[in-house]
PDB file of N, CA and C in Angstrom:
ATOM      1  N   MET A   1       0.823  -1.186   0.000  1.00  0.00           N
ATOM      2  CA  MET A   1       0.000   0.000   0.000  1.00  0.00           C
ATOM      3  C   MET A   1       0.870   1.253   0.000  1.00  0.00           C
ATOM      4  N   ILE A   2       0.428   2.235  -0.740  1.00  0.00           N
ATOM      5  CA  ILE A   2       1.112   3.516  -0.806  1.00  0.00           C
ATOM      6  C   ILE A   2       0.102   4.601  -0.478  1.00  0.00           C
ATOM      7  N   PHE A   3       0.450   5.479   0.446  1.00  0.00           N
ATOM      8  CA  PHE A   3      -0.395   6.619   0.770  1.00  0.00           C
ATOM      9  C   PHE A   3      -0.022   7.770  -0.146  1.00  0.00           C
ATOM     10  N   SER A   4      -1.034   8.385  -0.737  1.00  0.00           N
ATOM     11  CA  SER A   4      -0.799   9.522  -1.619  1.00  0.00           C
ATOM     12  C   SER A   4      -1.933  10.520  -1.466  1.00  0.00           C
ATOM     13  N   PRO A   5      -1.623  11.762  -1.163  1.00  0.00           N
ATOM     14  CA  PRO A   5      -2.666  12.780  -1.149  1.00  0.00           C
ATOM     15  C   PRO A   5      -3.269  12.941  -2.546  1.00  0.00           C
ATOM     16  N   GLU A   6      -4.521  13.276  -2.597  1.00  0.00           N
ATOM     17  CA  GLU A   6      -5.249  13.407  -3.864  1.00  0.00           C
ATOM     18  C   GLU A   6      -4.581  14.407  -4.805  1.00  0.00           C
ATOM     19  N   ALA A   7      -4.082  15.522  -4.287  1.00  0.00           N
ATOM     20  CA  ALA A   7      -3.455  16.537  -5.141  1.00  0.00           C
ATOM     21  C   ALA A   7      -2.195  15.998  -5.821  1.00  0.00           C
ATOM     22  N   ILE A   8      -1.423  15.190  -5.111  1.00  0.00           N
ATOM     23  CA  ILE A   8      -0.217  14.604  -5.704  1.00  0.00           C
ATOM     24  C   ILE A   8      -0.613  13.595  -6.769  1.00  0.00           C
ATOM     25  N   ARG A   9      -1.601  12.768  -6.469  1.00  0.00           N
ATOM     26  CA  ARG A   9      -2.091  11.789  -7.443  1.00  0.00           C
ATOM     27  C   ARG A   9      -2.565  12.484  -8.719  1.00  0.00           C
ATOM     28  N   GLU A  10      -3.355  13.535  -8.570  1.00  0.00           N
ATOM     29  CA  GLU A  10      -3.868  14.261  -9.734  1.00  0.00           C
ATOM     30  C   GLU A  10      -2.740  14.887 -10.540  1.00  0.00           C
ATOM     31  N   GLU A  11      -1.750  15.460  -9.850  1.00  0.00           N
ATOM     32  CA  GLU A  11      -0.640  16.106 -10.552  1.00  0.00           C
ATOM     33  C   GLU A  11       0.201  15.083 -11.312  1.00  0.00           C
ATOM     34  N   ILE A  12       0.431  13.925 -10.724  1.00  0.00           N
ATOM     35  CA  ILE A  12       1.235  12.904 -11.393  1.00  0.00           C
ATOM     36  C   ILE A  12       0.480  12.306 -12.575  1.00  0.00           C
ATOM     37  N   LEU A  13      -0.815  12.058 -12.418  1.00  0.00           N
ATOM     38  CA  LEU A  13      -1.584  11.423 -13.483  1.00  0.00           C
ATOM     39  C   LEU A  13      -1.991  12.380 -14.601  1.00  0.00           C
ATOM     40  N   ALA A  14      -1.876  13.678 -14.377  1.00  0.00           N
ATOM     41  CA  ALA A  14      -2.253  14.648 -15.407  1.00  0.00           C
ATOM     42  C   ALA A  14      -1.275  14.563 -16.583  1.00  0.00           C
ATOM     43  N   PRO A  15      -1.796  14.577 -17.809  1.00  0.00           N
ATOM     44  CA  PRO A  15      -0.891  14.558 -18.960  1.00  0.00           C
ATOM     45  C   PRO A  15      -0.131  15.870 -19.086  1.00  0.00           C
ATOM     46  N   ASP A  16       1.077  15.796 -19.594  1.00  0.00           N
ATOM     47  CA  ASP A  16       1.892  16.979 -19.834  1.00  0.00           C
ATOM     48  C   ASP A  16       1.289  17.718 -21.031  1.00  0.00           C
ATOM     49  N   PRO A  17       0.857  18.976 -20.869  1.00  0.00           N
ATOM     50  CA  PRO A  17       0.211  19.681 -21.975  1.00  0.00           C
ATOM     51  C   PRO A  17       1.125  19.861 -23.187  1.00  0.00           C
ATOM     52  N   ARG A  18       2.435  19.852 -22.963  1.00  0.00           N
ATOM     53  CA  ARG A  18       3.363  19.990 -24.095  1.00  0.00           C
ATOM     54  C   ARG A  18       3.461  18.709 -24.901  1.00  0.00           C
ATOM     55  N   TYR A  19       3.333  17.566 -24.229  1.00  0.00           N
ATOM     56  CA  TYR A  19       3.459  16.261 -24.874  1.00  0.00           C
ATOM     57  C   TYR A  19       2.344  15.339 -24.366  1.00  0.00           C
ATOM     58  N   PRO A  20       1.086  15.590 -24.744  1.00  0.00           N
ATOM     59  CA  PRO A  20      -0.034  14.837 -24.164  1.00  0.00           C
ATOM     60  C   PRO A  20      -0.007  13.342 -24.477  1.00  0.00           C
ATOM     61  N   GLN A  21       0.693  12.926 -25.514  1.00  0.00           N
ATOM     62  CA  GLN A  21       0.738  11.511 -25.865  1.00  0.00           C
ATOM     63  C   GLN A  21       1.757  10.732 -25.031  1.00  0.00           C
ATOM     64  N   TRP A  22       2.675  11.413 -24.360  1.00  0.00           N
ATOM     65  CA  TRP A  22       3.708  10.751 -23.562  1.00  0.00           C
ATOM     66  C   TRP A  22       3.129  10.264 -22.242  1.00  0.00           C
ATOM     67  N   ARG A  23       3.648   9.156 -21.767  1.00  0.00           N
ATOM     68  CA  ARG A  23       3.326   8.656 -20.438  1.00  0.00           C
ATOM     69  C   ARG A  23       4.645   8.413 -19.717  1.00  0.00           C
ATOM     70  N   TYR A  24       4.834   9.076 -18.610  1.00  0.00           N
ATOM     71  CA  TYR A  24       6.066   8.953 -17.834  1.00  0.00           C
ATOM     72  C   TYR A  24       5.982   7.747 -16.893  1.00  0.00           C
ATOM     73  N   GLY A  25       7.137   7.290 -16.438  1.00  0.00           N
ATOM     74  CA  GLY A  25       7.188   6.117 -15.575  1.00  0.00           C
ATOM     75  C   GLY A  25       6.372   6.261 -14.306  1.00  0.00           C
ATOM     76  N   CYS A  26       6.450   7.439 -13.675  1.00  0.00           N
ATOM     77  CA  CYS A  26       5.686   7.641 -12.438  1.00  0.00           C
ATOM     78  C   CYS A  26       4.181   7.617 -12.727  1.00  0.00           C
ATOM     79  N   GLN A  27       3.768   8.098 -13.907  1.00  0.00           N
ATOM     80  CA  GLN A  27       2.352   8.037 -14.271  1.00  0.00           C
ATOM     81  C   GLN A  27       1.905   6.587 -14.438  1.00  0.00           C
ATOM     82  N   LYS A  28       2.722   5.797 -15.103  1.00  0.00           N
ATOM     83  CA  LYS A  28       2.384   4.387 -15.299  1.00  0.00           C
ATOM     84  C   LYS A  28       2.298   3.655 -13.967  1.00  0.00           C
ATOM     85  N   MET A  29       3.257   3.946 -13.058  1.00  0.00           N
ATOM     86  CA  MET A  29       3.255   3.296 -11.756  1.00  0.00           C
ATOM     87  C   MET A  29       2.010   3.667 -10.959  1.00  0.00           C
ATOM     88  N   PHE A  30       1.681   4.965 -10.915  1.00  0.00           N
ATOM     89  CA  PHE A  30       0.501   5.392 -10.166  1.00  0.00           C
ATOM     90  C   PHE A  30      -0.773   4.801 -10.760  1.00  0.00           C
ATOM     91  N   LYS A  31      -0.860   4.739 -12.085  1.00  0.00           N
ATOM     92  CA  LYS A  31      -2.043   4.170 -12.737  1.00  0.00           C
ATOM     93  C   LYS A  31      -2.176   2.697 -12.387  1.00  0.00           C
ATOM     94  N   LEU A  32      -1.059   1.972 -12.425  1.00  0.00           N
ATOM     95  CA  LEU A  32      -1.065   0.552 -12.078  1.00  0.00           C
ATOM     96  C   LEU A  32      -1.480   0.355 -10.623  1.00  0.00           C
ATOM     97  N   LEU A  33      -0.886   1.113  -9.711  1.00  0.00           N
ATOM     98  CA  LEU A  33      -1.250   1.003  -8.298  1.00  0.00           C
ATOM     99  C   LEU A  33      -2.705   1.375  -8.070  1.00  0.00           C
ATOM    100  N   ASP A  34      -3.179   2.376  -8.795  1.00  0.00           N
ATOM    101  CA  ASP A  34      -4.567   2.813  -8.655  1.00  0.00           C
ATOM    102  C   ASP A  34      -5.536   1.727  -9.112  1.00  0.00           C
ATOM    103  N   THR A  35      -5.239   1.079 -10.221  1.00  0.00           N
ATOM    104  CA  THR A  35      -6.130   0.023 -10.721  1.00  0.00           C
ATOM    105  C   THR A  35      -6.114  -1.204  -9.816  1.00  0.00           C
ATOM    106  N   GLN A  36      -5.031  -1.401  -9.069  1.00  0.00           N
ATOM    107  CA  GLN A  36      -4.936  -2.530  -8.139  1.00  0.00           C
ATOM    108  C   GLN A  36      -5.403  -2.157  -6.731  1.00  0.00           C
ATOM    109  N   ASP A  37      -5.952  -0.958  -6.575  1.00  0.00           N
ATOM    110  CA  ASP A  37      -6.395  -0.457  -5.267  1.00  0.00           C
ATOM    111  C   ASP A  37      -5.275  -0.485  -4.225  1.00  0.00           C
ATOM    112  N   ALA A  38      -4.057  -0.254  -4.665  1.00  0.00           N
ATOM    113  CA  ALA A  38      -2.914  -0.218  -3.753  1.00  0.00           C
ATOM    114  C   ALA A  38      -2.504   1.215  -3.436  1.00  0.00           C
ATOM    115  N   LEU A  39      -3.213   2.181  -4.005  1.00  0.00           N
ATOM    116  CA  LEU A  39      -2.891   3.590  -3.804  1.00  0.00           C
ATOM    117  C   LEU A  39      -3.963   4.193  -2.897  1.00  0.00           C
ATOM    118  N   LEU A  40      -3.606   4.411  -1.646  1.00  0.00           N
ATOM    119  CA  LEU A  40      -4.557   4.957  -0.682  1.00  0.00           C
ATOM    120  C   LEU A  40      -4.470   6.477  -0.683  1.00  0.00           C
ATOM    121  N   ARG A  41      -5.606   7.125  -0.713  1.00  0.00           N
ATOM    122  CA  ARG A  41      -5.645   8.584  -0.734  1.00  0.00           C
ATOM    123  C   ARG A  41      -5.695   9.122   0.691  1.00  0.00           C
ATOM    124  N   ARG A  42      -4.969  10.195   0.890  1.00  0.00           N
ATOM    125  CA  ARG A  42      -4.937  10.837   2.203  1.00  0.00           C
ATOM    126  C   ARG A  42      -4.823  12.333   1.977  1.00  0.00           C
ATOM    127  N   ASN A  43      -5.708  13.105   2.541  1.00  0.00           N
ATOM    128  CA  ASN A  43      -5.702  14.547   2.343  1.00  0.00           C
ATOM    129  C   ASN A  43      -5.301  15.255   3.634  1.00  0.00           C
ATOM    130  N   PHE A  44      -4.722  16.432   3.470  1.00  0.00           N
ATOM    131  CA  PHE A  44      -4.200  17.183   4.602  1.00  0.00           C
ATOM    132  C   PHE A  44      -4.892  18.531   4.693  1.00  0.00           C
ATOM    133  N   ALA A  45      -5.063  19.005   5.900  1.00  0.00           N
ATOM    134  CA  ALA A  45      -5.854  20.205   6.134  1.00  0.00           C
ATOM    135  C   ALA A  45      -5.116  21.505   5.849  1.00  0.00           C
ATOM    136  N   GLN A  46      -3.796  21.552   5.996  1.00  0.00           N
ATOM    137  CA  GLN A  46      -3.057  22.807   5.916  1.00  0.00           C
ATOM    138  C   GLN A  46      -1.984  22.812   4.821  1.00  0.00           C
ATOM    139  N   PRO A  47      -2.358  22.671   3.530  1.00  0.00           N
ATOM    140  CA  PRO A  47      -1.310  22.753   2.506  1.00  0.00           C
ATOM    141  C   PRO A  47      -0.781  24.176   2.367  1.00  0.00           C
ATOM    142  N   LEU A  48       0.485  24.298   2.028  1.00  0.00           N
ATOM    143  CA  LEU A  48       1.089  25.603   1.783  1.00  0.00           C
ATOM    144  C   LEU A  48       0.774  26.004   0.341  1.00  0.00           C
ATOM    145  N   MET A  49       0.393  27.245   0.096  1.00  0.00           N
ATOM    146  CA  MET A  49      -0.144  27.614  -1.196  1.00  0.00           C
ATOM    147  C   MET A  49       0.864  28.255  -2.160  1.00  0.00           C
ATOM    148  N   GLN A  50       2.137  28.369  -1.828  1.00  0.00           N
ATOM    149  CA  GLN A  50       3.057  29.050  -2.723  1.00  0.00           C
ATOM    150  C   GLN A  50       3.685  28.118  -3.763  1.00  0.00           C
ATOM    151  N   LEU A  51       3.379  26.835  -3.745  1.00  0.00           N
ATOM    152  CA  LEU A  51       3.931  25.870  -4.689  1.00  0.00           C
ATOM    153  C   LEU A  51       2.798  25.247  -5.495  1.00  0.00           C
ATOM    154  N   HIS A  52       3.121  24.289  -6.373  1.00  0.00           N
ATOM    155  CA  HIS A  52       2.091  23.554  -7.100  1.00  0.00           C
ATOM    156  C   HIS A  52       1.297  22.702  -6.118  1.00  0.00           C
ATOM    157  N   ALA A  53       0.105  22.290  -6.508  1.00  0.00           N
ATOM    158  CA  ALA A  53      -0.799  21.565  -5.612  1.00  0.00           C
ATOM    159  C   ALA A  53      -0.146  20.322  -5.012  1.00  0.00           C
ATOM    160  N   GLY A  54       0.483  19.505  -5.831  1.00  0.00           N
ATOM    161  CA  GLY A  54       1.118  18.292  -5.325  1.00  0.00           C
ATOM    162  C   GLY A  54       2.262  18.583  -4.384  1.00  0.00           C
ATOM    163  N   GLU A  55       3.028  19.615  -4.688  1.00  0.00           N
ATOM    164  CA  GLU A  55       4.157  19.989  -3.831  1.00  0.00           C
ATOM    165  C   GLU A  55       3.668  20.515  -2.491  1.00  0.00           C
ATOM    166  N   THR A  56       2.624  21.325  -2.490  1.00  0.00           N
ATOM    167  CA  THR A  56       2.130  21.877  -1.226  1.00  0.00           C
ATOM    168  C   THR A  56       1.611  20.787  -0.309  1.00  0.00           C
ATOM    169  N   VAL A  57       0.909  19.827  -0.882  1.00  0.00           N
ATOM    170  CA  VAL A  57       0.396  18.736  -0.064  1.00  0.00           C
ATOM    171  C   VAL A  57       1.542  17.867   0.420  1.00  0.00           C
ATOM    172  N   GLY A  58       2.557  17.668  -0.421  1.00  0.00           N
ATOM    173  CA  GLY A  58       3.727  16.890  -0.009  1.00  0.00           C
ATOM    174  C   GLY A  58       4.450  17.529   1.160  1.00  0.00           C
ATOM    175  N   VAL A  59       4.592  18.851   1.128  1.00  0.00           N
ATOM    176  CA  VAL A  59       5.239  19.565   2.225  1.00  0.00           C
ATOM    177  C   VAL A  59       4.388  19.456   3.495  1.00  0.00           C
ATOM    178  N   ALA A  60       3.079  19.630   3.364  1.00  0.00           N
ATOM    179  CA  ALA A  60       2.192  19.509   4.525  1.00  0.00           C
ATOM    180  C   ALA A  60       2.259  18.098   5.105  1.00  0.00           C
ATOM    181  N   TRP A  61       2.313  17.114   4.236  1.00  0.00           N
ATOM    182  CA  TRP A  61       2.412  15.721   4.654  1.00  0.00           C
ATOM    183  C   TRP A  61       3.707  15.489   5.437  1.00  0.00           C
ATOM    184  N   ALA A  62       4.821  15.994   4.897  1.00  0.00           N
ATOM    185  CA  ALA A  62       6.115  15.844   5.567  1.00  0.00           C
ATOM    186  C   ALA A  62       6.106  16.518   6.932  1.00  0.00           C
ATOM    187  N   GLN A  63       5.509  17.713   6.993  1.00  0.00           N
ATOM    188  CA  GLN A  63       5.441  18.418   8.278  1.00  0.00           C
ATOM    189  C   GLN A  63       4.599  17.647   9.281  1.00  0.00           C
ATOM    190  N   GLU A  64       3.480  17.116   8.807  1.00  0.00           N
ATOM    191  CA  GLU A  64       2.595  16.366   9.722  1.00  0.00           C
ATOM    192  C   GLU A  64       3.280  15.114  10.242  1.00  0.00           C
ATOM    193  N   GLU A  65       4.092  14.471   9.398  1.00  0.00           N
ATOM    194  CA  GLU A  65       4.784  13.242   9.799  1.00  0.00           C
ATOM    195  C   GLU A  65       6.118  13.525  10.496  1.00  0.00           C
ATOM    196  N   SER A  66       6.479  14.819  10.627  1.00  0.00           N
ATOM    197  CA  SER A  66       7.745  15.239  11.252  1.00  0.00           C
ATOM    198  C   SER A  66       8.962  14.683  10.530  1.00  0.00           C
ATOM    199  N   TRP A  67       8.927  14.742   9.196  1.00  0.00           N
ATOM    200  CA  TRP A  67      10.058  14.260   8.394  1.00  0.00           C
ATOM    201  C   TRP A  67      11.086  15.314   8.261  1.00  0.00           C
TER     202      TRP A  67
END
């Protein structure tokens, strides 16, 4: 099982607007884990807003876990 905040999942699975036909390795991995129900979603209450959505949630996650 892998815990992933929804914003990070959405950012990773979103196609690159410059190259919409490309699929990156992390996208393939997340899609595979998602289809196998191995990707657990976890959302955080206090994301920092000065970065991209996935980055802000990642920072909030790290702070909450005291990493």
